Amino acid sequence: MDAFLEQINELNELQKELVQIHPLFTNHYPIVVANEMLLYMYDYSPEKQQYEWVKTVPDDLNIPEGCLAAMPVHHLNERTCAIVTDEAFQSFEMKIYLFHEFVHCYVHEHYEHIGDRVEIKRTMEKRRRVTWELDYEFPYDDETIVQRIGILQDALKDQKLDRIRQARQALFQALSEEAGEYWCWLEWNEGYARYIENRIRSRFGLALNHLGEDAPYNRLLFYECGSEYIRLLIEGHSELHTDLEQLFDILQSERLEQLQTH
């Protein structure tokens, strides 16, 4: 437990540098470490300007090994927490993923209302399908979809916004409305967190994270396509770096334009 706390506070010192990357890092969020069937909980003390151990409880959340997540935790009054296992502390590069989860904490805290605009999110919540973002039946193996994803990825590498928009709209034409909405939601939510993560990696001289760019595709596809498109959009419109609602509107508008023309 003390070893976790020591490393968390070392990361807290690094976080002071990250405010130059994004002002979200002026915020601090509780951290839950799942280890050997227990949850070790730490929270930030504004007075001491460091993290402190809060409590240890049995793991009633059933956190899987290797988990990296952000979600409300009932043990801490439903506050959004970064949740990791001991693997997150095994290397400096792994520790960077904790900051990725802080991005999700920030987005959940400041932009939760955007989710109210997403039909698939409302539908899945009515069905009480809490893991839908992880296991939605996206057609990763459909030949047409795979081909159009490949065209989109080529356009992203070419960094031509017109080509990217055309490729995205062609992809949305091949997707059901629900799958297209899922794409936009994950592209924004996970893509933005990956975008910030890669800014952090660049600052510390680490290789950029491009997991998800290669077929066969899986959920990491949204991290990669989202982060690369978001990076290009922000290069042209710097205000999008901190205005996540406007960023979401841009990503969503291209999907909606396709719906209106078909």
Protein backbone atom coordinates (compact mmCIF):
# COMPACT_ATOMS: atom_id res chain seq x y z
CA MET A 1 0.00 0.00 0.00
CA ASP A 2 2.73 2.49 0.95
CA ALA A 3 4.58 1.62 -2.26
CA PHE A 4 1.51 2.61 -4.29
CA LEU A 5 1.15 5.86 -2.39
CA GLU A 6 4.80 6.75 -2.90
CA GLN A 7 4.54 6.21 -6.65
CA ILE A 8 1.24 8.09 -6.88
CA ASN A 9 2.85 11.10 -5.23
CA GLU A 10 5.81 10.90 -7.60
CA LEU A 11 3.28 11.11 -10.44
CA ASN A 12 1.60 13.99 -8.67
CA GLU A 13 4.87 15.92 -8.91
CA LEU A 14 5.03 15.17 -12.63
CA GLN A 15 1.45 16.32 -13.02
CA LYS A 16 2.49 19.87 -12.16
CA GLU A 17 4.40 19.94 -15.46
CA LEU A 18 1.38 18.69 -17.38
CA VAL A 19 -0.64 21.84 -16.68
CA GLN A 20 1.37 23.33 -19.55
CA ILE A 21 -0.15 20.66 -21.81
CA HIS A 22 -3.73 21.12 -20.63
CA PRO A 23 -5.35 23.02 -17.73
CA LEU A 24 -7.33 19.89 -16.82
CA PHE A 25 -4.25 18.77 -14.91
CA THR A 26 -4.88 21.42 -12.28
CA ASN A 27 -7.58 18.96 -11.16
CA HIS A 28 -6.94 15.92 -9.00
CA TYR A 29 -9.05 12.79 -8.85
CA PRO A 30 -9.22 9.86 -6.46
CA ILE A 31 -7.17 6.82 -7.44
CA VAL A 32 -8.24 3.25 -6.75
CA VAL A 33 -5.64 0.49 -7.01
CA ALA A 34 -7.03 -3.04 -7.24
CA ASN A 35 -4.57 -5.60 -5.90
CA GLU A 36 -5.02 -9.11 -4.49
CA MET A 37 -8.81 -8.87 -4.07
CA LEU A 38 -8.57 -5.49 -2.32
CA LEU A 39 -9.21 -1.89 -3.37
CA TYR A 40 -6.68 0.62 -2.07
CA MET A 41 -8.14 4.12 -2.24
CA TYR A 42 -6.21 7.37 -2.33
CA ASP A 43 -7.39 10.95 -2.51
CA TYR A 44 -5.70 14.29 -3.01
CA SER A 45 -5.30 16.62 -0.05
CA PRO A 46 -5.33 20.30 -1.13
CA GLU A 47 -3.79 21.28 2.19
CA LYS A 48 -0.83 18.91 1.87
CA GLN A 49 -0.80 19.10 -1.96
CA GLN A 50 -0.28 15.38 -2.20
CA TYR A 51 -2.25 12.16 -2.13
CA GLU A 52 -3.17 10.31 1.05
CA TRP A 53 -4.45 6.82 1.72
CA VAL A 54 -8.18 6.91 2.49
CA LYS A 55 -9.31 3.33 2.99
CA THR A 56 -8.88 -0.27 1.88
CA VAL A 57 -11.94 -2.43 1.18
CA PRO A 58 -12.62 -5.82 -0.40
CA ASP A 59 -12.82 -5.65 -4.19
CA ASP A 60 -16.58 -5.70 -4.70
CA LEU A 61 -16.10 -4.05 -8.13
CA ASN A 62 -14.44 -7.21 -9.53
CA ILE A 63 -11.67 -5.24 -11.21
CA PRO A 64 -9.91 -7.41 -13.83
CA GLU A 65 -6.13 -7.65 -14.02
CA GLY A 66 -4.63 -4.94 -16.18
CA CYS A 67 -7.65 -2.67 -15.76
CA LEU A 68 -7.32 0.98 -16.73
CA ALA A 69 -10.60 2.78 -16.24
CA ALA A 70 -12.39 5.83 -14.92
CA MET A 71 -15.80 5.60 -13.29
CA PRO A 72 -17.81 6.62 -10.22
CA VAL A 73 -17.04 4.52 -7.15
CA HIS A 74 -19.67 4.07 -4.45
CA HIS A 75 -17.03 3.76 -1.71
CA LEU A 76 -16.09 7.39 -2.40
CA ASN A 77 -19.58 8.88 -2.66
CA GLU A 78 -19.86 8.15 -6.40
CA ARG A 79 -16.93 10.39 -7.24
CA THR A 80 -15.27 9.64 -10.55
CA CYS A 81 -12.01 7.80 -9.88
CA ALA A 82 -9.08 6.53 -11.90
CA ILE A 83 -9.01 2.76 -11.42
CA VAL A 84 -5.88 0.72 -12.10
CA THR A 85 -4.17 -2.48 -11.00
CA ASP A 86 -0.61 -2.92 -9.83
CA GLU A 87 0.51 -3.31 -13.47
CA ALA A 88 0.13 0.45 -13.88
CA PHE A 89 3.16 0.96 -11.61
CA GLN A 90 5.56 -1.48 -13.27
CA SER A 91 7.17 1.05 -15.62
CA PHE A 92 7.20 4.76 -16.28
CA GLU A 93 5.41 4.22 -19.58
CA MET A 94 2.61 2.30 -17.85
CA LYS A 95 2.21 5.11 -15.34
CA ILE A 96 1.37 7.50 -18.18
CA TYR A 97 -1.89 5.59 -18.60
CA LEU A 98 -2.99 6.95 -15.23
CA PHE A 99 -2.97 10.44 -16.75
CA HIS A 100 -5.04 9.08 -19.67
CA GLU A 101 -7.65 8.04 -17.11
CA PHE A 102 -7.51 11.48 -15.48
CA VAL A 103 -8.62 12.88 -18.85
CA HIS A 104 -11.69 10.64 -18.66
CA CYS A 105 -12.35 11.80 -15.10
CA TYR A 106 -12.21 15.41 -16.25
CA VAL A 107 -14.50 14.79 -19.23
CA HIS A 108 -17.01 12.92 -17.08
CA GLU A 109 -17.02 15.73 -14.54
CA HIS A 110 -17.27 18.65 -16.98
CA TYR A 111 -18.98 17.24 -20.08
CA GLU A 112 -21.37 14.61 -18.77
CA HIS A 113 -24.25 16.53 -20.38
CA ILE A 114 -22.92 15.64 -23.84
CA GLY A 115 -23.81 12.02 -23.17
CA ASP A 116 -27.46 13.08 -22.84
CA ARG A 117 -27.36 13.97 -26.54
CA VAL A 118 -26.21 10.50 -27.59
CA GLU A 119 -29.09 8.15 -28.36
CA ILE A 120 -27.06 4.94 -28.08
CA LYS A 121 -25.91 5.95 -24.60
CA ARG A 122 -29.50 6.56 -23.47
CA THR A 123 -30.63 3.29 -25.02
CA MET A 124 -27.93 1.23 -23.35
CA GLU A 125 -28.55 2.87 -19.99
CA LYS A 126 -32.25 1.99 -20.24
CA ARG A 127 -31.18 -1.60 -20.88
CA ARG A 128 -28.78 -1.34 -17.92
CA ARG A 129 -26.00 -2.51 -20.17
CA VAL A 130 -23.19 -0.86 -18.26
CA THR A 131 -20.32 -2.27 -20.35
CA TRP A 132 -21.69 -1.24 -23.76
CA GLU A 133 -18.74 1.06 -24.49
CA LEU A 134 -16.45 -1.96 -24.14
CA ASP A 135 -18.45 -4.69 -25.83
CA TYR A 136 -20.85 -3.12 -28.34
CA GLU A 137 -21.26 -5.30 -31.44
CA PHE A 138 -19.48 -2.99 -33.86
CA PRO A 139 -19.03 -4.64 -37.31
CA TYR A 140 -15.22 -4.83 -37.15
CA ASP A 141 -15.12 -7.78 -39.59
CA ASP A 142 -17.53 -6.49 -42.26
CA GLU A 143 -15.58 -6.34 -45.53
CA THR A 144 -17.06 -3.01 -46.65
CA ILE A 145 -16.47 -1.44 -43.24
CA VAL A 146 -12.89 -2.72 -43.10
CA GLN A 147 -12.20 -1.32 -46.56
CA ARG A 148 -13.61 2.10 -45.68
CA ILE A 149 -11.72 2.21 -42.38
CA GLY A 150 -8.55 1.56 -44.37
CA ILE A 151 -9.36 4.47 -46.69
CA LEU A 152 -9.94 6.69 -43.65
CA GLN A 153 -6.65 5.67 -42.10
CA ASP A 154 -4.81 6.43 -45.34
CA ALA A 155 -6.43 9.87 -45.37
CA LEU A 156 -5.42 10.45 -41.74
CA LYS A 157 -1.81 9.58 -42.57
CA ASP A 158 -1.98 11.94 -45.56
CA GLN A 159 -3.27 14.64 -43.16
CA LYS A 160 -5.67 16.09 -45.74
CA LEU A 161 -8.83 17.24 -43.97
CA ASP A 162 -11.00 17.15 -47.09
CA ARG A 163 -10.01 13.54 -47.75
CA ILE A 164 -10.60 12.65 -44.11
CA ARG A 165 -14.10 14.15 -44.14
CA GLN A 166 -14.98 12.32 -47.35
CA ALA A 167 -13.66 9.05 -45.93
CA ARG A 168 -15.59 9.50 -42.67
CA GLN A 169 -18.82 10.22 -44.52
CA ALA A 170 -18.31 7.17 -46.75
CA LEU A 171 -17.77 5.10 -43.62
CA PHE A 172 -20.92 6.46 -41.97
CA GLN A 173 -22.89 5.58 -45.12
CA ALA A 174 -21.89 1.95 -44.62
CA LEU A 175 -22.68 1.89 -40.90
CA SER A 176 -26.08 1.68 -39.25
CA GLU A 177 -27.14 4.89 -37.53
CA GLU A 178 -26.48 3.33 -34.12
CA ALA A 179 -23.02 2.04 -35.10
CA GLY A 180 -22.19 5.46 -36.56
CA GLU A 181 -23.18 7.11 -33.31
CA TYR A 182 -21.05 4.61 -31.40
CA TRP A 183 -18.12 5.51 -33.67
CA CYS A 184 -18.51 9.25 -32.99
CA TRP A 185 -18.88 8.80 -29.24
CA LEU A 186 -15.80 6.58 -28.87
CA GLU A 187 -13.83 8.66 -31.39
CA TRP A 188 -14.44 11.76 -29.25
CA ASN A 189 -14.18 10.21 -25.79
CA GLU A 190 -11.27 7.82 -26.29
CA GLY A 191 -9.66 9.75 -29.14
CA TYR A 192 -9.32 12.88 -27.04
CA ALA A 193 -7.81 10.96 -24.11
CA ARG A 194 -5.31 9.30 -26.50
CA TYR A 195 -4.52 12.71 -28.02
CA ILE A 196 -3.62 14.11 -24.59
CA GLU A 197 -1.77 10.91 -23.70
CA ASN A 198 0.42 11.30 -26.79
CA ARG A 199 1.12 14.93 -25.92
CA ILE A 200 2.37 13.67 -22.55
CA ARG A 201 4.43 10.91 -24.16
CA SER A 202 6.04 13.44 -26.47
CA ARG A 203 6.93 15.66 -23.52
CA PHE A 204 8.72 12.82 -21.74
CA GLY A 205 10.42 11.43 -24.84
CA LEU A 206 8.34 8.27 -25.07
CA ALA A 207 7.15 6.61 -28.28
CA LEU A 208 3.69 7.76 -29.31
CA ASN A 209 0.84 5.32 -28.81
CA HIS A 210 -0.69 4.17 -32.11
CA LEU A 211 -2.23 0.90 -30.95
CA GLY A 212 -5.36 0.21 -32.97
CA GLU A 213 -4.17 1.29 -36.41
CA ASP A 214 -3.75 -2.23 -37.80
CA ALA A 215 -6.32 -4.85 -38.83
CA PRO A 216 -7.88 -6.99 -37.52
CA TYR A 217 -9.62 -4.09 -35.83
CA ASN A 218 -10.95 -3.84 -32.32
CA ARG A 219 -12.02 -1.11 -29.91
CA LEU A 220 -8.57 0.54 -30.01
CA LEU A 221 -9.44 1.63 -33.55
CA PHE A 222 -11.44 4.51 -32.09
CA TYR A 223 -8.53 5.67 -29.94
CA GLU A 224 -6.24 5.82 -32.98
CA CYS A 225 -8.59 7.31 -35.58
CA GLY A 226 -10.04 9.71 -33.03
CA SER A 227 -6.73 10.97 -31.70
CA GLU A 228 -5.23 11.49 -35.15
CA TYR A 229 -8.26 13.38 -36.48
CA ILE A 230 -8.58 15.43 -33.29
CA ARG A 231 -4.90 16.36 -33.48
CA LEU A 232 -5.34 17.65 -37.02
CA LEU A 233 -8.50 19.57 -36.13
CA ILE A 234 -6.75 21.23 -33.19
CA GLU A 235 -3.76 22.17 -35.34
CA GLY A 236 -6.16 24.22 -37.47
CA HIS A 237 -8.35 25.50 -34.62
CA SER A 238 -6.41 25.77 -31.36
CA GLU A 239 -9.52 26.56 -29.30
CA LEU A 240 -10.64 22.94 -29.76
CA HIS A 241 -7.78 21.86 -27.50
CA THR A 242 -9.85 22.92 -24.50
CA ASP A 243 -13.38 23.25 -25.95
CA LEU A 244 -14.47 19.62 -26.00
CA GLU A 245 -18.12 20.39 -26.68
CA GLN A 246 -17.30 22.26 -29.88
CA LEU A 247 -14.98 19.40 -30.81
CA PHE A 248 -17.78 16.89 -30.29
CA ASP A 249 -20.13 19.01 -32.40
CA ILE A 250 -17.66 18.94 -35.32
CA LEU A 251 -17.24 15.16 -35.16
CA GLN A 252 -20.98 14.67 -34.85
CA SER A 253 -21.89 17.14 -37.60
CA GLU A 254 -20.11 15.10 -40.27
CA ARG A 255 -22.13 12.04 -39.31
CA LEU A 256 -25.39 14.01 -39.28
CA GLU A 257 -24.65 15.61 -42.66
CA GLN A 258 -24.33 12.14 -44.13
CA LEU A 259 -27.71 11.14 -42.64
CA GLN A 260 -29.42 14.22 -44.08
CA THR A 261 -28.15 13.51 -47.60
CA HIS A 262 -29.32 9.89 -47.66
